[in-house]
PDB file of N, CA and C in Angstrom:
ATOM      1  N   MET A   1     -38.894 -36.957-191.045  1.00  0.00           N
ATOM      2  CA  MET A   1     -39.009 -36.524-189.605  1.00  0.00           C
ATOM      3  C   MET A   1     -38.227 -37.203-188.594  1.00  0.00           C
ATOM      4  N   TYR A   2     -36.939 -36.943-188.082  1.00  0.00           N
ATOM      5  CA  TYR A   2     -36.616 -37.572-186.656  1.00  0.00           C
ATOM      6  C   TYR A   2     -37.367 -36.828-185.277  1.00  0.00           C
ATOM      7  N   PHE A   3     -37.522 -38.418-184.526  1.00  0.00           N
ATOM      8  CA  PHE A   3     -38.372 -37.989-183.339  1.00  0.00           C
ATOM      9  C   PHE A   3     -37.185 -38.470-182.514  1.00  0.00           C
ATOM     10  N   SER A   4     -37.118 -37.882-181.172  1.00  0.00           N
ATOM     11  CA  SER A   4     -36.294 -37.945-179.988  1.00  0.00           C
ATOM     12  C   SER A   4     -37.291 -38.807-179.413  1.00  0.00           C
ATOM     13  N   GLY A   5     -36.378 -39.469-178.363  1.00  0.00           N
ATOM     14  CA  GLY A   5     -37.123 -40.528-177.485  1.00  0.00           C
ATOM     15  C   GLY A   5     -38.121 -40.099-176.606  1.00  0.00           C
ATOM     16  N   PRO A   6     -38.251 -38.740-175.924  1.00  0.00           N
ATOM     17  CA  PRO A   6     -39.244 -38.091-175.365  1.00  0.00           C
ATOM     18  C   PRO A   6     -40.185 -37.793-176.135  1.00  0.00           C
ATOM     19  N   SER A   7     -39.954 -37.177-177.629  1.00  0.00           N
ATOM     20  CA  SER A   7     -41.312 -37.043-178.346  1.00  0.00           C
ATOM     21  C   SER A   7     -41.565 -38.249-178.834  1.00  0.00           C
ATOM     22  N   LEU A   8     -41.047 -39.496-179.032  1.00  0.00           N
ATOM     23  CA  LEU A   8     -41.690 -40.436-179.833  1.00  0.00           C
ATOM     24  C   LEU A   8     -42.379 -41.067-178.719  1.00  0.00           C
ATOM     25  N   ILE A   9     -42.163 -41.102-177.498  1.00  0.00           N
ATOM     26  CA  ILE A   9     -43.331 -41.982-176.287  1.00  0.00           C
ATOM     27  C   ILE A   9     -44.080 -40.954-176.094  1.00  0.00           C
ATOM     28  N   PHE A  10     -44.402 -39.318-176.062  1.00  0.00           N
ATOM     29  CA  PHE A  10     -45.262 -38.812-176.146  1.00  0.00           C
ATOM     30  C   PHE A  10     -45.941 -39.014-176.916  1.00  0.00           C
ATOM     31  N   TRP A  11     -45.878 -39.226-178.387  1.00  0.00           N
ATOM     32  CA  TRP A  11     -47.163 -39.485-179.423  1.00  0.00           C
ATOM     33  C   TRP A  11     -47.113 -40.747-179.394  1.00  0.00           C
ATOM     34  N   LEU A  12     -46.635 -41.786-178.847  1.00  0.00           N
ATOM     35  CA  LEU A  12     -47.021 -42.993-178.968  1.00  0.00           C
ATOM     36  C   LEU A  12     -48.104 -43.129-177.526  1.00  0.00           C
ATOM     37  N   ILE A  13     -47.902 -42.387-176.198  1.00  0.00           N
ATOM     38  CA  ILE A  13     -48.636 -42.716-175.323  1.00  0.00           C
ATOM     39  C   ILE A  13     -49.842 -41.690-175.435  1.00  0.00           C
ATOM     40  N   PHE A  14     -49.571 -40.424-175.470  1.00  0.00           N
ATOM     41  CA  PHE A  14     -50.823 -39.489-175.477  1.00  0.00           C
ATOM     42  C   PHE A  14     -51.473 -38.916-176.842  1.00  0.00           C
ATOM     43  N   VAL A  15     -50.556 -38.647-177.587  1.00  0.00           N
ATOM     44  CA  VAL A  15     -51.011 -38.021-178.848  1.00  0.00           C
ATOM     45  C   VAL A  15     -52.175 -39.044-179.785  1.00  0.00           C
ATOM     46  N   ILE A  16     -51.601 -40.001-180.259  1.00  0.00           N
ATOM     47  CA  ILE A  16     -52.449 -41.141-181.188  1.00  0.00           C
ATOM     48  C   ILE A  16     -53.550 -41.822-180.116  1.00  0.00           C
ATOM     49  N   PRO A  17     -53.508 -41.913-178.896  1.00  0.00           N
ATOM     50  CA  PRO A  17     -54.840 -42.668-178.118  1.00  0.00           C
ATOM     51  C   PRO A  17     -55.501 -41.534-178.206  1.00  0.00           C
ATOM     52  N   LEU A  18     -55.309 -40.031-177.938  1.00  0.00           N
ATOM     53  CA  LEU A  18     -56.270 -38.988-177.606  1.00  0.00           C
ATOM     54  C   LEU A  18     -56.897 -38.796-179.142  1.00  0.00           C
ATOM     55  N   VAL A  19     -56.264 -38.791-180.076  1.00  0.00           N
ATOM     56  CA  VAL A  19     -57.007 -38.519-181.461  1.00  0.00           C
ATOM     57  C   VAL A  19     -58.167 -39.582-181.798  1.00  0.00           C
ATOM     58  N   ALA A  20     -57.490 -40.817-181.683  1.00  0.00           N
ATOM     59  CA  ALA A  20     -58.369 -41.954-182.178  1.00  0.00           C
ATOM     60  C   ALA A  20     -59.696 -42.131-181.296  1.00  0.00           C
ATOM     61  N   GLY A  21     -59.339 -41.808-179.859  1.00  0.00           N
ATOM     62  CA  GLY A  21     -60.682 -41.534-179.328  1.00  0.00           C
ATOM     63  C   GLY A  21     -61.522 -40.574-179.658  1.00  0.00           C
ATOM     64  N   LEU A  22     -60.969 -39.215-179.842  1.00  0.00           N
ATOM     65  CA  LEU A  22     -61.906 -38.656-180.272  1.00  0.00           C
ATOM     66  C   LEU A  22     -62.407 -38.420-181.447  1.00  0.00           C
ATOM     67  N   GLY A  23     -61.661 -38.881-182.462  1.00  0.00           N
ATOM     68  CA  GLY A  23     -62.557 -39.220-183.901  1.00  0.00           C
ATOM     69  C   GLY A  23     -63.512 -40.582-183.496  1.00  0.00           C
ATOM     70  N   TRP A  24     -63.282 -41.553-182.566  1.00  0.00           N
ATOM     71  CA  TRP A  24     -64.105 -42.451-182.568  1.00  0.00           C
ATOM     72  C   TRP A  24     -65.715 -41.651-181.805  1.00  0.00           C
ATOM     73  N   ILE A  25     -65.389 -40.614-180.896  1.00  0.00           N
ATOM     74  CA  ILE A  25     -66.416 -40.374-180.427  1.00  0.00           C
ATOM     75  C   ILE A  25     -67.171 -39.389-181.345  1.00  0.00           C
ATOM     76  N   MET A  26     -66.195 -38.556-181.906  1.00  0.00           N
ATOM     77  CA  MET A  26     -67.005 -37.667-183.009  1.00  0.00           C
ATOM     78  C   MET A  26     -67.732 -38.778-184.313  1.00  0.00           C
ATOM     79  N   TRP A  27     -67.425 -39.871-184.453  1.00  0.00           N
ATOM     80  CA  TRP A  27     -67.726 -40.512-185.345  1.00  0.00           C
ATOM     81  C   TRP A  27     -68.942 -41.041-185.102  1.00  0.00           C
ATOM     82  N   GLN A  28     -69.141 -41.228-183.520  1.00  0.00           N
ATOM     83  CA  GLN A  28     -70.986 -41.833-183.096  1.00  0.00           C
ATOM     84  C   GLN A  28     -71.897 -40.597-183.372  1.00  0.00           C
ATOM     85  N   ASP A  29     -71.502 -39.452-183.377  1.00  0.00           N
ATOM     86  CA  ASP A  29     -72.692 -38.463-183.819  1.00  0.00           C
ATOM     87  C   ASP A  29     -72.918 -38.305-185.306  1.00  0.00           C
ATOM     88  N   LYS A  30     -73.715 -38.911-185.514  1.00  0.00           N
ATOM     89  CA  LYS A  30     -73.961 -38.754-187.319  1.00  0.00           C
ATOM     90  C   LYS A  30     -74.475 -37.466-187.604  1.00  0.00           C
ATOM     91  N   ARG A  31     -74.996 -36.645-186.531  1.00  0.00           N
ATOM     92  CA  ARG A  31     -75.340 -35.072-187.591  1.00  0.00           C
ATOM     93  C   ARG A  31     -74.423 -34.493-187.462  1.00  0.00           C
ATOM     94  N   HIS A  32     -73.447 -34.406-186.774  1.00  0.00           N
ATOM     95  CA  HIS A  32     -72.407 -33.396-186.720  1.00  0.00           C
ATOM     96  C   HIS A  32     -71.100 -34.221-187.299  1.00  0.00           C
ATOM     97  N   ARG A  33     -71.139 -35.147-187.940  1.00  0.00           N
ATOM     98  CA  ARG A  33     -69.858 -36.359-188.231  1.00  0.00           C
ATOM     99  C   ARG A  33     -68.891 -35.395-188.818  1.00  0.00           C
ATOM    100  N   ARG A  34     -69.367 -35.226-189.729  1.00  0.00           N
ATOM    101  CA  ARG A  34     -68.268 -34.583-190.847  1.00  0.00           C
ATOM    102  C   ARG A  34     -67.511 -32.979-190.289  1.00  0.00           C
ATOM    103  N   SER A  35     -68.064 -32.565-189.705  1.00  0.00           N
ATOM    104  CA  SER A  35     -67.509 -30.848-189.130  1.00  0.00           C
ATOM    105  C   SER A  35     -66.767 -31.565-188.043  1.00  0.00           C
ATOM    106  N   GLY A  36     -67.093 -32.293-186.999  1.00  0.00           N
ATOM    107  CA  GLY A  36     -66.402 -32.591-185.702  1.00  0.00           C
ATOM    108  C   GLY A  36     -64.904 -33.224-186.287  1.00  0.00           C
ATOM    109  N   LEU A  37     -64.941 -34.255-187.229  1.00  0.00           N
ATOM    110  CA  LEU A  37     -63.946 -34.793-187.813  1.00  0.00           C
ATOM    111  C   LEU A  37     -62.921 -33.871-188.786  1.00  0.00           C
ATOM    112  N   LEU A  38     -63.593 -32.791-189.271  1.00  0.00           N
ATOM    113  CA  LEU A  38     -62.601 -31.591-189.774  1.00  0.00           C
ATOM    114  C   LEU A  38     -62.236 -30.644-188.848  1.00  0.00           C
ATOM    115  N   ILE A  39     -62.718 -30.230-187.773  1.00  0.00           N
ATOM    116  CA  ILE A  39     -62.219 -29.744-186.617  1.00  0.00           C
ATOM    117  C   ILE A  39     -61.064 -30.367-186.333  1.00  0.00           C
ATOM    118  N   LEU A  40     -61.377 -31.890-185.721  1.00  0.00           N
ATOM    119  CA  LEU A  40     -60.200 -32.728-185.491  1.00  0.00           C
ATOM    120  C   LEU A  40     -59.054 -32.657-186.082  1.00  0.00           C
ATOM    121  N   ALA A  41     -59.087 -33.097-187.203  1.00  0.00           N
ATOM    122  CA  ALA A  41     -58.202 -32.788-188.201  1.00  0.00           C
ATOM    123  C   ALA A  41     -57.445 -31.296-188.332  1.00  0.00           C
ATOM    124  N   VAL A  42     -58.116 -30.229-188.331  1.00  0.00           N
ATOM    125  CA  VAL A  42     -57.451 -28.975-188.275  1.00  0.00           C
ATOM    126  C   VAL A  42     -56.881 -28.987-187.132  1.00  0.00           C
ATOM    127  N   ILE A  43     -57.014 -29.325-185.757  1.00  0.00           N
ATOM    128  CA  ILE A  43     -56.286 -28.979-184.689  1.00  0.00           C
ATOM    129  C   ILE A  43     -55.192 -29.914-184.807  1.00  0.00           C
ATOM    130  N   VAL A  44     -55.251 -31.100-185.366  1.00  0.00           N
ATOM    131  CA  VAL A  44     -53.726 -32.108-185.364  1.00  0.00           C
ATOM    132  C   VAL A  44     -53.124 -31.291-186.554  1.00  0.00           C
ATOM    133  N   VAL A  45     -53.499 -30.527-187.431  1.00  0.00           N
ATOM    134  CA  VAL A  45     -52.511 -30.209-188.458  1.00  0.00           C
ATOM    135  C   VAL A  45     -51.986 -28.785-188.135  1.00  0.00           C
ATOM    136  N   VAL A  46     -52.781 -28.012-187.570  1.00  0.00           N
ATOM    137  CA  VAL A  46     -51.780 -26.673-186.845  1.00  0.00           C
ATOM    138  C   VAL A  46     -50.975 -27.324-185.635  1.00  0.00           C
ATOM    139  N   GLY A  47     -51.380 -27.942-184.776  1.00  0.00           N
ATOM    140  CA  GLY A  47     -50.209 -28.549-183.398  1.00  0.00           C
ATOM    141  C   GLY A  47     -49.361 -29.289-184.340  1.00  0.00           C
ATOM    142  N   ILE A  48     -49.323 -30.237-185.351  1.00  0.00           N
ATOM    143  CA  ILE A  48     -47.896 -30.456-186.155  1.00  0.00           C
ATOM    144  C   ILE A  48     -47.290 -29.075-186.543  1.00  0.00           C
ATOM    145  N   VAL A  49     -47.890 -28.513-187.118  1.00  0.00           N
ATOM    146  CA  VAL A  49     -47.352 -27.111-187.848  1.00  0.00           C
ATOM    147  C   VAL A  49     -46.555 -26.226-186.936  1.00  0.00           C
ATOM    148  N   TYR A  50     -47.478 -26.281-185.803  1.00  0.00           N
ATOM    149  CA  TYR A  50     -46.832 -25.137-184.514  1.00  0.00           C
ATOM    150  C   TYR A  50     -45.299 -26.062-184.248  1.00  0.00           C
ATOM    151  N   MET A  51     -45.810 -27.339-183.663  1.00  0.00           N
ATOM    152  CA  MET A  51     -44.441 -27.918-183.461  1.00  0.00           C
ATOM    153  C   MET A  51     -42.927 -27.947-183.744  1.00  0.00           C
ATOM    154  N   TYR A  52     -43.470 -28.245-185.357  1.00  0.00           N
ATOM    155  CA  TYR A  52     -42.414 -28.054-186.584  1.00  0.00           C
ATOM    156  C   TYR A  52     -41.862 -26.639-186.308  1.00  0.00           C
ATOM    157  N   LEU A  53     -42.592 -25.428-186.384  1.00  0.00           N
ATOM    158  CA  LEU A  53     -41.850 -24.263-186.283  1.00  0.00           C
ATOM    159  C   LEU A  53     -41.190 -23.876-185.025  1.00  0.00           C
ATOM    160  N   LYS A  54     -41.754 -24.506-183.847  1.00  0.00           N
ATOM    161  CA  LYS A  54     -41.487 -24.042-182.862  1.00  0.00           C
ATOM    162  C   LYS A  54     -39.677 -25.088-182.504  1.00  0.00           C
ATOM    163  N   THR A  55     -39.750 -26.077-183.223  1.00  0.00           N
ATOM    164  CA  THR A  55     -38.619 -27.195-183.141  1.00  0.00           C
ATOM    165  C   THR A  55     -37.280 -26.177-184.229  1.00  0.00           C
ATOM    166  N   ARG A  56     -38.175 -25.680-185.003  1.00  0.00           N
ATOM    167  CA  ARG A  56     -37.148 -25.201-186.073  1.00  0.00           C
ATOM    168  C   ARG A  56     -37.001 -26.412-187.162  1.00  0.00           C
ATOM    169  N   GLY A  57     -38.137 -27.588-187.234  1.00  0.00           N
ATOM    170  CA  GLY A  57     -37.793 -28.779-188.091  1.00  0.00           C
ATOM    171  C   GLY A  57     -36.813 -29.765-187.411  1.00  0.00           C
ATOM    172  N   LEU A  58     -36.445 -29.557-186.207  1.00  0.00           N
ATOM    173  CA  LEU A  58     -35.649 -30.984-185.680  1.00  0.00           C
ATOM    174  C   LEU A  58     -36.074 -31.898-185.408  1.00  0.00           C
TER     175      LEU A  58
END
């Protein structure tokens, strides 16, 4: 997978810290931990697939 400069900056500054922060917040909720992390994982996977399809794999 090839990342252009702006795409790499976006991932490093926004996406990775956001997902890590949301994962940490969901990990703190002991009652809904598994479902929250599962929903977060589904959102990330859907976002990556959508991005891949919209850029036609570029």
